[in-house]
Amino acid sequence: MKQLLFISFLLFTKLLIVAQQSKKMQDAYFASGCFWCVEAIFETVKGVDYAESGYAGGWKKNPTYEEVCSGKTGHAETVHVRYDSSVISYNDLLRVFFNSHDASTKNQQGPDKGTQYRSMIFYSNEGEKNKAEGYIKSLKAKGMIITTEVVPFTNFYKAESYHQNFEENNPDNPYIRNVSHPRLNAFKKKTKELLKNQRFF
């Protein structure tokens, strides 16, 4: 009996290792307004393991939220997306990005204004750069105005702990109810086939 249990354990462990190895985990970085909203949006997407809020695109090391809000650090509120590229492609992430914010408004998303809310794609290699620029070119060919910056990724500074999963942890927050939830629902209506679930607020 013990031998049978041991063999079963070995088989389960092997299957678990194979499943983990089949995943192709990648990282992507996007800025498109308040990171509370952006994090929540990407976490609803199939193939996304997690998203976390932080700061990128500026020059100050380890900036605080207050410093970034001052507009003097050069950083934008940014979300780090960890995803399985065997489930969702980078092009699909670009679709999520552009389907979930207004890329025509410079330094603004909804009620949030300032350079920290600008639209940005941070690329880690030439492949990502070419895909991002190609996607933007296709949108402009349709007559759309795009202010999104496509820049090389340098550093990402994770935001303070209270910012992480803010929408999930604070569903009754007035900003979440009046800005974040409507933005998330609008995205879900446009991108149903990429969602983990169809739940609306």
N, C-alpha and C. Protein backbone atom coordinates (compact mmCIF):
# COMPACT_ATOMS: atom_id res chain seq x y z
N MET A 1 0.82 -1.21 0.00
CA MET A 1 0.00 0.00 0.00
C MET A 1 0.86 1.26 0.00
N LYS A 2 1.90 1.27 0.87
CA LYS A 2 2.79 2.42 0.94
C LYS A 2 3.52 2.62 -0.39
N GLN A 3 3.90 1.48 -1.00
CA GLN A 3 4.60 1.55 -2.29
C GLN A 3 3.69 2.14 -3.37
N LEU A 4 2.42 1.76 -3.35
CA LEU A 4 1.45 2.28 -4.32
C LEU A 4 1.25 3.78 -4.14
N LEU A 5 1.15 4.20 -2.88
CA LEU A 5 1.00 5.63 -2.60
C LEU A 5 2.22 6.42 -3.05
N PHE A 6 3.41 5.84 -2.85
CA PHE A 6 4.64 6.49 -3.25
C PHE A 6 4.71 6.65 -4.76
N ILE A 7 4.32 5.58 -5.47
CA ILE A 7 4.32 5.64 -6.94
C ILE A 7 3.33 6.68 -7.44
N SER A 8 2.16 6.74 -6.80
CA SER A 8 1.14 7.73 -7.18
C SER A 8 1.66 9.15 -6.95
N PHE A 9 2.36 9.32 -5.84
CA PHE A 9 2.94 10.63 -5.53
C PHE A 9 3.96 11.03 -6.58
N LEU A 10 4.81 10.08 -7.00
CA LEU A 10 5.83 10.36 -8.02
C LEU A 10 5.19 10.74 -9.35
N LEU A 11 4.12 10.02 -9.71
CA LEU A 11 3.43 10.31 -10.97
C LEU A 11 2.78 11.70 -10.92
N PHE A 12 2.16 12.02 -9.80
CA PHE A 12 1.53 13.33 -9.64
C PHE A 12 2.58 14.44 -9.73
N THR A 13 3.71 14.24 -9.07
CA THR A 13 4.80 15.22 -9.08
C THR A 13 5.32 15.42 -10.50
N LYS A 14 5.48 14.33 -11.24
CA LYS A 14 5.97 14.41 -12.61
C LYS A 14 4.99 15.17 -13.50
N LEU A 15 3.71 14.87 -13.33
CA LEU A 15 2.68 15.57 -14.11
C LEU A 15 2.67 17.06 -13.79
N LEU A 16 2.86 17.38 -12.53
CA LEU A 16 2.89 18.78 -12.10
C LEU A 16 4.08 19.50 -12.72
N ILE A 17 5.22 18.86 -12.75
CA ILE A 17 6.43 19.45 -13.35
C ILE A 17 6.24 19.67 -14.84
N VAL A 18 5.66 18.66 -15.51
CA VAL A 18 5.41 18.78 -16.95
C VAL A 18 4.46 19.93 -17.25
N ALA A 19 3.42 20.06 -16.42
CA ALA A 19 2.45 21.15 -16.61
C ALA A 19 3.11 22.51 -16.44
N GLN A 20 3.97 22.61 -15.43
CA GLN A 20 4.66 23.88 -15.18
C GLN A 20 5.62 24.20 -16.32
N GLN A 21 6.31 23.18 -16.83
CA GLN A 21 7.27 23.39 -17.92
C GLN A 21 6.59 23.80 -19.22
N SER A 22 5.31 23.38 -19.38
CA SER A 22 4.59 23.71 -20.61
C SER A 22 4.21 25.18 -20.66
N LYS A 23 4.22 25.82 -19.50
CA LYS A 23 3.92 27.25 -19.46
C LYS A 23 5.10 28.05 -19.97
N LYS A 24 4.82 29.11 -20.66
CA LYS A 24 5.86 29.99 -21.18
C LYS A 24 5.62 31.37 -20.59
N MET A 25 6.14 31.57 -19.39
CA MET A 25 5.87 32.80 -18.68
C MET A 25 6.72 33.96 -19.21
N GLN A 26 6.04 35.08 -19.42
CA GLN A 26 6.69 36.29 -19.95
C GLN A 26 6.23 37.48 -19.12
N ASP A 27 6.94 38.59 -19.29
CA ASP A 27 6.59 39.82 -18.59
C ASP A 27 6.33 40.94 -19.59
N ALA A 28 5.35 41.76 -19.30
CA ALA A 28 5.02 42.91 -20.13
C ALA A 28 4.68 44.09 -19.21
N TYR A 29 4.89 45.31 -19.72
CA TYR A 29 4.70 46.50 -18.90
C TYR A 29 3.89 47.55 -19.67
N PHE A 30 2.80 48.01 -19.05
CA PHE A 30 1.91 48.96 -19.70
C PHE A 30 1.50 50.07 -18.73
N ALA A 31 1.32 51.27 -19.26
CA ALA A 31 0.79 52.39 -18.49
C ALA A 31 -0.38 52.98 -19.27
N SER A 32 -1.52 53.11 -18.60
CA SER A 32 -2.69 53.66 -19.29
C SER A 32 -3.67 54.27 -18.28
N GLY A 33 -3.13 55.14 -17.43
CA GLY A 33 -3.97 55.78 -16.43
C GLY A 33 -3.77 55.17 -15.06
N CYS A 34 -4.74 55.34 -14.21
CA CYS A 34 -4.67 54.85 -12.83
C CYS A 34 -4.35 53.36 -12.78
N PHE A 35 -3.29 53.00 -12.08
CA PHE A 35 -2.90 51.59 -12.07
C PHE A 35 -3.87 50.70 -11.32
N TRP A 36 -4.71 51.26 -10.48
CA TRP A 36 -5.75 50.43 -9.85
C TRP A 36 -6.64 49.83 -10.93
N CYS A 37 -7.02 50.67 -11.90
CA CYS A 37 -7.89 50.22 -12.99
C CYS A 37 -7.17 49.24 -13.90
N VAL A 38 -5.95 49.59 -14.29
CA VAL A 38 -5.21 48.79 -15.27
C VAL A 38 -4.88 47.40 -14.73
N GLU A 39 -4.47 47.35 -13.47
CA GLU A 39 -4.18 46.06 -12.84
C GLU A 39 -5.41 45.17 -12.86
N ALA A 40 -6.55 45.72 -12.46
CA ALA A 40 -7.80 44.95 -12.41
C ALA A 40 -8.20 44.45 -13.78
N ILE A 41 -7.99 45.25 -14.81
CA ILE A 41 -8.34 44.87 -16.17
C ILE A 41 -7.51 43.67 -16.63
N PHE A 42 -6.19 43.75 -16.48
CA PHE A 42 -5.34 42.66 -16.96
C PHE A 42 -5.56 41.38 -16.17
N GLU A 43 -5.93 41.49 -14.91
CA GLU A 43 -6.14 40.28 -14.12
C GLU A 43 -7.41 39.53 -14.50
N THR A 44 -8.27 40.13 -15.32
CA THR A 44 -9.46 39.43 -15.81
C THR A 44 -9.19 38.64 -17.09
N VAL A 45 -7.98 38.73 -17.62
CA VAL A 45 -7.67 38.17 -18.93
C VAL A 45 -7.07 36.77 -18.84
N LYS A 46 -7.53 35.88 -19.70
CA LYS A 46 -7.01 34.51 -19.76
C LYS A 46 -5.49 34.53 -20.01
N GLY A 47 -4.79 33.68 -19.31
CA GLY A 47 -3.35 33.56 -19.53
C GLY A 47 -2.53 34.50 -18.67
N VAL A 48 -3.18 35.47 -18.03
CA VAL A 48 -2.45 36.38 -17.15
C VAL A 48 -2.38 35.75 -15.76
N ASP A 49 -1.15 35.52 -15.30
CA ASP A 49 -0.94 34.91 -13.99
C ASP A 49 -1.21 35.94 -12.89
N TYR A 50 -0.65 37.13 -13.06
CA TYR A 50 -0.93 38.22 -12.12
C TYR A 50 -0.51 39.54 -12.75
N ALA A 51 -1.01 40.62 -12.16
CA ALA A 51 -0.60 41.97 -12.55
C ALA A 51 -0.31 42.72 -11.26
N GLU A 52 0.69 43.58 -11.28
CA GLU A 52 1.02 44.35 -10.09
C GLU A 52 1.29 45.80 -10.46
N SER A 53 0.92 46.69 -9.55
CA SER A 53 1.03 48.12 -9.78
C SER A 53 2.42 48.64 -9.41
N GLY A 54 2.88 49.63 -10.17
CA GLY A 54 4.18 50.22 -9.88
C GLY A 54 4.44 51.46 -10.72
N TYR A 55 5.71 51.79 -10.85
CA TYR A 55 6.11 53.02 -11.53
C TYR A 55 7.23 52.71 -12.52
N ALA A 56 7.17 53.34 -13.69
CA ALA A 56 8.20 53.16 -14.71
C ALA A 56 8.24 54.38 -15.62
N GLY A 57 9.33 54.51 -16.36
CA GLY A 57 9.43 55.58 -17.35
C GLY A 57 10.06 56.86 -16.87
N GLY A 58 10.50 56.88 -15.61
CA GLY A 58 11.08 58.10 -15.06
C GLY A 58 12.55 57.94 -14.72
N TRP A 59 13.08 58.88 -13.96
CA TRP A 59 14.50 58.88 -13.66
C TRP A 59 14.81 58.69 -12.17
N LYS A 60 13.85 58.85 -11.30
CA LYS A 60 14.12 58.73 -9.87
C LYS A 60 14.05 57.27 -9.43
N LYS A 61 15.05 56.84 -8.66
CA LYS A 61 15.06 55.48 -8.15
C LYS A 61 14.11 55.35 -6.96
N ASN A 62 13.41 54.23 -6.94
CA ASN A 62 12.51 53.91 -5.82
C ASN A 62 11.59 55.06 -5.43
N PRO A 63 10.83 55.57 -6.39
CA PRO A 63 9.95 56.69 -6.08
C PRO A 63 8.78 56.28 -5.20
N THR A 64 8.25 57.22 -4.46
CA THR A 64 7.05 56.98 -3.67
C THR A 64 5.83 57.42 -4.49
N TYR A 65 4.67 57.02 -4.05
CA TYR A 65 3.43 57.42 -4.73
C TYR A 65 3.29 58.93 -4.73
N GLU A 66 3.58 59.56 -3.61
CA GLU A 66 3.47 61.02 -3.52
C GLU A 66 4.42 61.71 -4.48
N GLU A 67 5.63 61.18 -4.62
CA GLU A 67 6.60 61.77 -5.55
C GLU A 67 6.15 61.62 -7.00
N VAL A 68 5.62 60.46 -7.34
CA VAL A 68 5.13 60.24 -8.71
C VAL A 68 3.95 61.16 -9.00
N CYS A 69 3.04 61.31 -8.02
CA CYS A 69 1.88 62.18 -8.20
C CYS A 69 2.26 63.64 -8.39
N SER A 70 3.44 64.02 -7.92
CA SER A 70 3.89 65.40 -8.08
C SER A 70 4.24 65.71 -9.53
N GLY A 71 4.45 64.65 -10.33
CA GLY A 71 4.82 64.84 -11.73
C GLY A 71 6.27 65.20 -11.94
N LYS A 72 7.08 65.11 -10.86
CA LYS A 72 8.48 65.55 -10.95
C LYS A 72 9.48 64.40 -11.06
N THR A 73 8.99 63.17 -11.14
CA THR A 73 9.91 62.02 -11.24
C THR A 73 9.99 61.46 -12.66
N GLY A 74 9.07 61.88 -13.52
CA GLY A 74 9.04 61.35 -14.89
C GLY A 74 8.34 60.02 -15.03
N HIS A 75 7.97 59.41 -13.91
CA HIS A 75 7.35 58.08 -13.96
C HIS A 75 5.87 58.16 -14.32
N ALA A 76 5.38 57.06 -14.88
CA ALA A 76 3.95 56.87 -15.11
C ALA A 76 3.49 55.71 -14.25
N GLU A 77 2.25 55.78 -13.79
CA GLU A 77 1.68 54.63 -13.08
C GLU A 77 1.62 53.48 -14.07
N THR A 78 2.30 52.40 -13.73
CA THR A 78 2.54 51.30 -14.67
C THR A 78 2.14 49.97 -14.05
N VAL A 79 1.75 49.04 -14.91
CA VAL A 79 1.39 47.70 -14.43
C VAL A 79 2.31 46.66 -15.08
N HIS A 80 2.86 45.83 -14.23
CA HIS A 80 3.67 44.69 -14.67
C HIS A 80 2.74 43.50 -14.83
N VAL A 81 2.71 42.95 -16.03
CA VAL A 81 1.83 41.82 -16.34
C VAL A 81 2.67 40.57 -16.53
N ARG A 82 2.41 39.57 -15.72
CA ARG A 82 3.07 38.26 -15.86
C ARG A 82 2.08 37.34 -16.56
N TYR A 83 2.46 36.83 -17.73
CA TYR A 83 1.50 36.06 -18.52
C TYR A 83 2.12 34.83 -19.15
N ASP A 84 1.26 33.90 -19.50
CA ASP A 84 1.66 32.64 -20.14
C ASP A 84 1.47 32.81 -21.65
N SER A 85 2.58 32.92 -22.37
CA SER A 85 2.49 33.17 -23.81
C SER A 85 2.00 31.97 -24.61
N SER A 86 1.86 30.81 -23.93
CA SER A 86 1.26 29.67 -24.62
C SER A 86 -0.26 29.75 -24.57
N VAL A 87 -0.78 30.69 -23.76
CA VAL A 87 -2.23 30.89 -23.64
C VAL A 87 -2.67 32.19 -24.31
N ILE A 88 -1.91 33.25 -24.10
CA ILE A 88 -2.25 34.55 -24.68
C ILE A 88 -1.01 35.17 -25.31
N SER A 89 -1.19 35.78 -26.46
CA SER A 89 -0.05 36.36 -27.18
C SER A 89 0.18 37.82 -26.78
N TYR A 90 1.35 38.32 -27.12
CA TYR A 90 1.65 39.73 -26.85
C TYR A 90 0.71 40.63 -27.64
N ASN A 91 0.36 40.20 -28.87
CA ASN A 91 -0.58 40.99 -29.67
C ASN A 91 -1.95 41.08 -28.98
N ASP A 92 -2.36 40.01 -28.32
CA ASP A 92 -3.62 40.05 -27.58
C ASP A 92 -3.53 40.99 -26.39
N LEU A 93 -2.37 41.04 -25.74
CA LEU A 93 -2.17 41.98 -24.64
C LEU A 93 -2.26 43.42 -25.15
N LEU A 94 -1.74 43.66 -26.35
CA LEU A 94 -1.85 44.99 -26.95
C LEU A 94 -3.32 45.33 -27.21
N ARG A 95 -4.07 44.33 -27.62
CA ARG A 95 -5.50 44.54 -27.83
C ARG A 95 -6.19 44.89 -26.51
N VAL A 96 -5.83 44.18 -25.44
CA VAL A 96 -6.37 44.49 -24.12
C VAL A 96 -6.02 45.93 -23.75
N PHE A 97 -4.79 46.29 -23.95
CA PHE A 97 -4.30 47.64 -23.63
C PHE A 97 -5.11 48.71 -24.34
N PHE A 98 -5.26 48.60 -25.64
CA PHE A 98 -5.96 49.64 -26.40
C PHE A 98 -7.48 49.57 -26.25
N ASN A 99 -8.00 48.40 -25.91
CA ASN A 99 -9.45 48.28 -25.69
C ASN A 99 -9.89 48.77 -24.32
N SER A 100 -8.92 49.08 -23.46
CA SER A 100 -9.27 49.41 -22.08
C SER A 100 -8.96 50.84 -21.68
N HIS A 101 -8.54 51.67 -22.63
CA HIS A 101 -8.34 53.08 -22.31
C HIS A 101 -8.42 53.93 -23.57
N ASP A 102 -8.49 55.23 -23.37
CA ASP A 102 -8.56 56.18 -24.48
C ASP A 102 -7.15 56.67 -24.79
N ALA A 103 -6.55 56.08 -25.81
CA ALA A 103 -5.17 56.41 -26.16
C ALA A 103 -5.04 57.74 -26.89
N SER A 104 -6.17 58.42 -27.13
CA SER A 104 -6.12 59.70 -27.85
C SER A 104 -5.90 60.88 -26.91
N THR A 105 -6.09 60.66 -25.61
CA THR A 105 -5.95 61.76 -24.65
C THR A 105 -4.56 61.77 -24.05
N LYS A 106 -3.83 62.82 -24.25
CA LYS A 106 -2.45 62.91 -23.78
C LYS A 106 -2.43 63.29 -22.30
N ASN A 107 -1.68 62.52 -21.53
CA ASN A 107 -1.50 62.78 -20.10
C ASN A 107 -2.83 62.84 -19.34
N GLN A 108 -3.77 61.99 -19.75
CA GLN A 108 -5.06 61.97 -19.08
C GLN A 108 -5.82 60.68 -19.38
N GLN A 109 -6.48 60.15 -18.34
CA GLN A 109 -7.45 59.08 -18.50
C GLN A 109 -8.63 59.41 -17.60
N GLY A 110 -9.76 59.68 -18.21
CA GLY A 110 -10.94 60.03 -17.44
C GLY A 110 -10.67 61.25 -16.58
N PRO A 111 -10.95 61.16 -15.28
CA PRO A 111 -10.76 62.32 -14.40
C PRO A 111 -9.31 62.53 -13.97
N ASP A 112 -8.43 61.58 -14.31
CA ASP A 112 -7.04 61.65 -13.86
C ASP A 112 -6.16 62.38 -14.88
N LYS A 113 -5.53 63.45 -14.44
CA LYS A 113 -4.71 64.27 -15.33
C LYS A 113 -3.29 64.39 -14.79
N GLY A 114 -2.32 64.42 -15.70
CA GLY A 114 -0.93 64.55 -15.32
C GLY A 114 -0.07 63.58 -16.10
N THR A 115 1.22 63.85 -16.17
CA THR A 115 2.12 62.98 -16.94
C THR A 115 2.18 61.56 -16.37
N GLN A 116 1.87 61.42 -15.08
CA GLN A 116 1.89 60.08 -14.48
C GLN A 116 0.77 59.19 -14.99
N TYR A 117 -0.16 59.78 -15.74
CA TYR A 117 -1.28 59.01 -16.30
C TYR A 117 -1.18 58.84 -17.81
N ARG A 118 -0.01 59.12 -18.37
CA ARG A 118 0.13 59.03 -19.82
C ARG A 118 0.11 57.57 -20.31
N SER A 119 -0.18 57.41 -21.58
CA SER A 119 -0.29 56.09 -22.20
C SER A 119 1.10 55.65 -22.70
N MET A 120 1.56 54.49 -22.21
CA MET A 120 2.90 54.02 -22.57
C MET A 120 2.95 52.49 -22.71
N ILE A 121 3.76 52.06 -23.66
CA ILE A 121 4.10 50.64 -23.80
C ILE A 121 5.60 50.53 -23.64
N PHE A 122 6.03 49.70 -22.70
CA PHE A 122 7.46 49.49 -22.46
C PHE A 122 7.86 48.16 -23.10
N TYR A 123 8.74 48.22 -24.10
CA TYR A 123 9.13 46.98 -24.78
C TYR A 123 10.47 46.46 -24.22
N SER A 124 10.58 45.13 -24.16
CA SER A 124 11.79 44.49 -23.64
C SER A 124 12.69 43.94 -24.74
N ASN A 125 12.19 43.91 -25.97
CA ASN A 125 13.00 43.42 -27.09
C ASN A 125 12.44 43.99 -28.39
N GLU A 126 13.16 43.77 -29.47
CA GLU A 126 12.76 44.32 -30.76
C GLU A 126 11.44 43.74 -31.25
N GLY A 127 11.18 42.48 -30.89
CA GLY A 127 9.93 41.87 -31.29
C GLY A 127 8.74 42.60 -30.70
N GLU A 128 8.80 42.90 -29.41
CA GLU A 128 7.72 43.65 -28.77
C GLU A 128 7.60 45.05 -29.35
N LYS A 129 8.73 45.68 -29.61
CA LYS A 129 8.72 47.03 -30.19
C LYS A 129 8.02 47.02 -31.54
N ASN A 130 8.39 46.07 -32.39
CA ASN A 130 7.80 46.01 -33.73
C ASN A 130 6.29 45.72 -33.67
N LYS A 131 5.89 44.85 -32.75
CA LYS A 131 4.46 44.53 -32.62
C LYS A 131 3.68 45.74 -32.13
N ALA A 132 4.24 46.45 -31.14
CA ALA A 132 3.56 47.64 -30.61
C ALA A 132 3.44 48.72 -31.67
N GLU A 133 4.53 48.99 -32.36
CA GLU A 133 4.51 50.03 -33.40
C GLU A 133 3.60 49.63 -34.56
N GLY A 134 3.59 48.34 -34.88
CA GLY A 134 2.72 47.87 -35.95
C GLY A 134 1.25 47.99 -35.57
N TYR A 135 0.93 47.69 -34.33
CA TYR A 135 -0.44 47.79 -33.85
C TYR A 135 -0.91 49.24 -33.89
N ILE A 136 -0.05 50.14 -33.45
CA ILE A 136 -0.39 51.57 -33.47
C ILE A 136 -0.57 52.06 -34.90
N LYS A 137 0.28 51.60 -35.78
CA LYS A 137 0.17 51.99 -37.19
C LYS A 137 -1.17 51.56 -37.77
N SER A 138 -1.62 50.35 -37.39
CA SER A 138 -2.91 49.86 -37.91
C SER A 138 -4.07 50.68 -37.37
N LEU A 139 -3.96 51.15 -36.12
CA LEU A 139 -5.01 51.98 -35.53
C LEU A 139 -5.04 53.36 -36.19
N LYS A 140 -3.88 53.91 -36.43
CA LYS A 140 -3.81 55.22 -37.09
C LYS A 140 -4.34 55.15 -38.51
N ALA A 141 -4.15 54.01 -39.16
CA ALA A 141 -4.65 53.83 -40.53
C ALA A 141 -6.18 53.87 -40.56
N LYS A 142 -6.80 53.60 -39.40
CA LYS A 142 -8.26 53.66 -39.30
C LYS A 142 -8.73 55.06 -38.91
N GLY A 143 -7.79 56.00 -38.82
CA GLY A 143 -8.14 57.37 -38.48
C GLY A 143 -8.11 57.68 -37.00
N MET A 144 -7.62 56.75 -36.19
CA MET A 144 -7.59 56.98 -34.75
C MET A 144 -6.40 57.84 -34.35
N ILE A 145 -6.60 58.68 -33.34
CA ILE A 145 -5.53 59.49 -32.78
C ILE A 145 -4.90 58.71 -31.64
N ILE A 146 -3.58 58.49 -31.71
CA ILE A 146 -2.89 57.71 -30.70
C ILE A 146 -1.74 58.54 -30.11
N THR A 147 -1.76 58.73 -28.80
CA THR A 147 -0.68 59.47 -28.13
C THR A 147 0.28 58.54 -27.38
N THR A 148 0.05 57.24 -27.48
CA THR A 148 0.84 56.25 -26.74
C THR A 148 2.32 56.33 -27.08
N GLU A 149 3.15 56.35 -26.05
CA GLU A 149 4.59 56.32 -26.21
C GLU A 149 5.06 54.86 -26.20
N VAL A 150 5.94 54.51 -27.12
CA VAL A 150 6.54 53.17 -27.15
C VAL A 150 8.02 53.35 -26.81
N VAL A 151 8.41 52.89 -25.64
CA VAL A 151 9.76 53.17 -25.13
C VAL A 151 10.40 51.89 -24.58
N PRO A 152 11.73 51.83 -24.58
CA PRO A 152 12.40 50.65 -24.04
C PRO A 152 12.20 50.52 -22.53
N PHE A 153 12.02 49.30 -22.07
CA PHE A 153 11.88 49.05 -20.64
C PHE A 153 13.23 49.19 -19.96
N THR A 154 13.25 49.90 -18.84
CA THR A 154 14.48 50.03 -18.05
C THR A 154 14.28 49.46 -16.65
N ASN A 155 13.47 50.16 -15.86
CA ASN A 155 13.22 49.71 -14.49
C ASN A 155 11.74 49.80 -14.14
N PHE A 156 11.32 48.88 -13.29
CA PHE A 156 9.97 48.90 -12.75
C PHE A 156 10.08 48.89 -11.23
N TYR A 157 9.44 49.86 -10.60
CA TYR A 157 9.45 49.93 -9.14
C TYR A 157 8.05 49.60 -8.62
N LYS A 158 7.96 48.51 -7.90
CA LYS A 158 6.67 48.07 -7.38
C LYS A 158 6.10 49.12 -6.43
N ALA A 159 4.83 49.41 -6.58
CA ALA A 159 4.18 50.42 -5.73
C ALA A 159 3.97 49.88 -4.32
N GLU A 160 3.61 50.78 -3.45
CA GLU A 160 3.36 50.44 -2.06
C GLU A 160 2.30 49.35 -1.94
N SER A 161 2.38 48.57 -0.87
CA SER A 161 1.54 47.38 -0.73
C SER A 161 0.04 47.70 -0.78
N TYR A 162 -0.35 48.87 -0.29
CA TYR A 162 -1.79 49.17 -0.26
C TYR A 162 -2.37 49.42 -1.64
N HIS A 163 -1.50 49.63 -2.63
CA HIS A 163 -1.98 49.81 -4.00
C HIS A 163 -2.26 48.48 -4.69
N GLN A 164 -1.66 47.40 -4.23
CA GLN A 164 -1.79 46.12 -4.91
C GLN A 164 -3.19 45.54 -4.71
N ASN A 165 -3.78 45.08 -5.82
CA ASN A 165 -5.14 44.53 -5.80
C ASN A 165 -6.13 45.51 -5.15
N PHE A 166 -5.93 46.78 -5.43
CA PHE A 166 -6.73 47.80 -4.76
C PHE A 166 -8.21 47.67 -5.08
N GLU A 167 -8.53 47.42 -6.33
CA GLU A 167 -9.94 47.32 -6.70
C GLU A 167 -10.62 46.14 -6.00
N GLU A 168 -9.95 45.01 -5.98
CA GLU A 168 -10.51 43.81 -5.32
C GLU A 168 -10.67 44.03 -3.82
N ASN A 169 -9.70 44.70 -3.22
CA ASN A 169 -9.71 44.88 -1.77
C ASN A 169 -10.58 46.06 -1.30
N ASN A 170 -10.94 46.94 -2.23
CA ASN A 170 -11.71 48.13 -1.85
C ASN A 170 -12.89 48.35 -2.79
N PRO A 171 -13.79 47.39 -2.92
CA PRO A 171 -14.89 47.49 -3.89
C PRO A 171 -15.85 48.64 -3.63
N ASP A 172 -15.91 49.13 -2.40
CA ASP A 172 -16.83 50.21 -2.07
C ASP A 172 -16.19 51.59 -2.10
N ASN A 173 -14.91 51.63 -2.46
CA ASN A 173 -14.24 52.93 -2.60
C ASN A 173 -14.95 53.74 -3.68
N PRO A 174 -15.25 55.02 -3.45
CA PRO A 174 -15.98 55.84 -4.44
C PRO A 174 -15.31 55.87 -5.81
N TYR A 175 -13.98 55.96 -5.84
CA TYR A 175 -13.27 55.97 -7.13
C TYR A 175 -13.46 54.65 -7.85
N ILE A 176 -13.37 53.55 -7.11
CA ILE A 176 -13.55 52.22 -7.71
C ILE A 176 -14.95 52.07 -8.28
N ARG A 177 -15.96 52.48 -7.51
CA ARG A 177 -17.35 52.35 -7.97
C ARG A 177 -17.65 53.25 -9.17
N ASN A 178 -17.14 54.47 -9.15
CA ASN A 178 -17.53 55.46 -10.16
C ASN A 178 -16.61 55.54 -11.37
N VAL A 179 -15.38 55.07 -11.23
CA VAL A 179 -14.43 55.17 -12.35
C VAL A 179 -13.91 53.80 -12.78
N SER A 180 -13.38 53.06 -11.84
CA SER A 180 -12.73 51.80 -12.17
C SER A 180 -13.70 50.74 -12.66
N HIS A 181 -14.80 50.53 -11.94
CA HIS A 181 -15.77 49.51 -12.36
C HIS A 181 -16.38 49.81 -13.73
N PRO A 182 -16.82 51.04 -14.00
CA PRO A 182 -17.34 51.33 -15.33
C PRO A 182 -16.30 51.10 -16.44
N ARG A 183 -15.06 51.46 -16.14
CA ARG A 183 -14.00 51.26 -17.14
C ARG A 183 -13.77 49.77 -17.38
N LEU A 184 -13.77 48.98 -16.33
CA LEU A 184 -13.60 47.54 -16.46
C LEU A 184 -14.76 46.91 -17.21
N ASN A 185 -15.97 47.32 -16.90
CA ASN A 185 -17.15 46.77 -17.59
C ASN A 185 -17.15 47.11 -19.07
N ALA A 186 -16.74 48.33 -19.41
CA ALA A 186 -16.68 48.74 -20.81
C ALA A 186 -15.67 47.88 -21.57
N PHE A 187 -14.53 47.61 -20.92
CA PHE A 187 -13.52 46.74 -21.54
C PHE A 187 -14.06 45.34 -21.75
N LYS A 188 -14.73 44.79 -20.74
CA LYS A 188 -15.25 43.43 -20.84
C LYS A 188 -16.25 43.26 -21.98
N LYS A 189 -17.07 44.27 -22.19
CA LYS A 189 -18.06 44.20 -23.26
C LYS A 189 -17.40 44.14 -24.63
N LYS A 190 -16.23 44.77 -24.77
CA LYS A 190 -15.53 44.81 -26.06
C LYS A 190 -14.61 43.61 -26.27
N THR A 191 -14.28 42.88 -25.20
CA THR A 191 -13.22 41.88 -25.30
C THR A 191 -13.61 40.58 -24.61
N LYS A 192 -14.85 40.14 -24.77
CA LYS A 192 -15.38 39.00 -24.04
C LYS A 192 -14.59 37.72 -24.23
N GLU A 193 -14.09 37.48 -25.45
CA GLU A 193 -13.44 36.21 -25.75
C GLU A 193 -12.09 36.03 -25.04
N LEU A 194 -11.54 37.10 -24.47
CA LEU A 194 -10.26 37.00 -23.78
C LEU A 194 -10.39 36.92 -22.26
N LEU A 195 -11.63 36.90 -21.77
CA LEU A 195 -11.85 36.98 -20.33
C LEU A 195 -11.83 35.62 -19.65
N LYS A 196 -11.40 35.62 -18.38
CA LYS A 196 -11.46 34.42 -17.56
C LYS A 196 -12.89 34.12 -17.15
N ASN A 197 -13.68 35.19 -16.93
CA ASN A 197 -15.09 35.03 -16.59
C ASN A 197 -15.86 36.23 -17.12
N GLN A 198 -17.18 36.13 -17.08
CA GLN A 198 -18.03 37.18 -17.65
C GLN A 198 -18.70 38.06 -16.59
N ARG A 199 -18.18 38.02 -15.36
CA ARG A 199 -18.83 38.75 -14.28
C ARG A 199 -18.67 40.26 -14.44
N PHE A 200 -19.78 40.98 -14.34
CA PHE A 200 -19.77 42.42 -14.43
C PHE A 200 -20.13 43.02 -13.07
N PHE A 201 -19.77 44.27 -12.88
CA PHE A 201 -20.10 44.97 -11.63
C PHE A 201 -21.37 45.78 -11.79
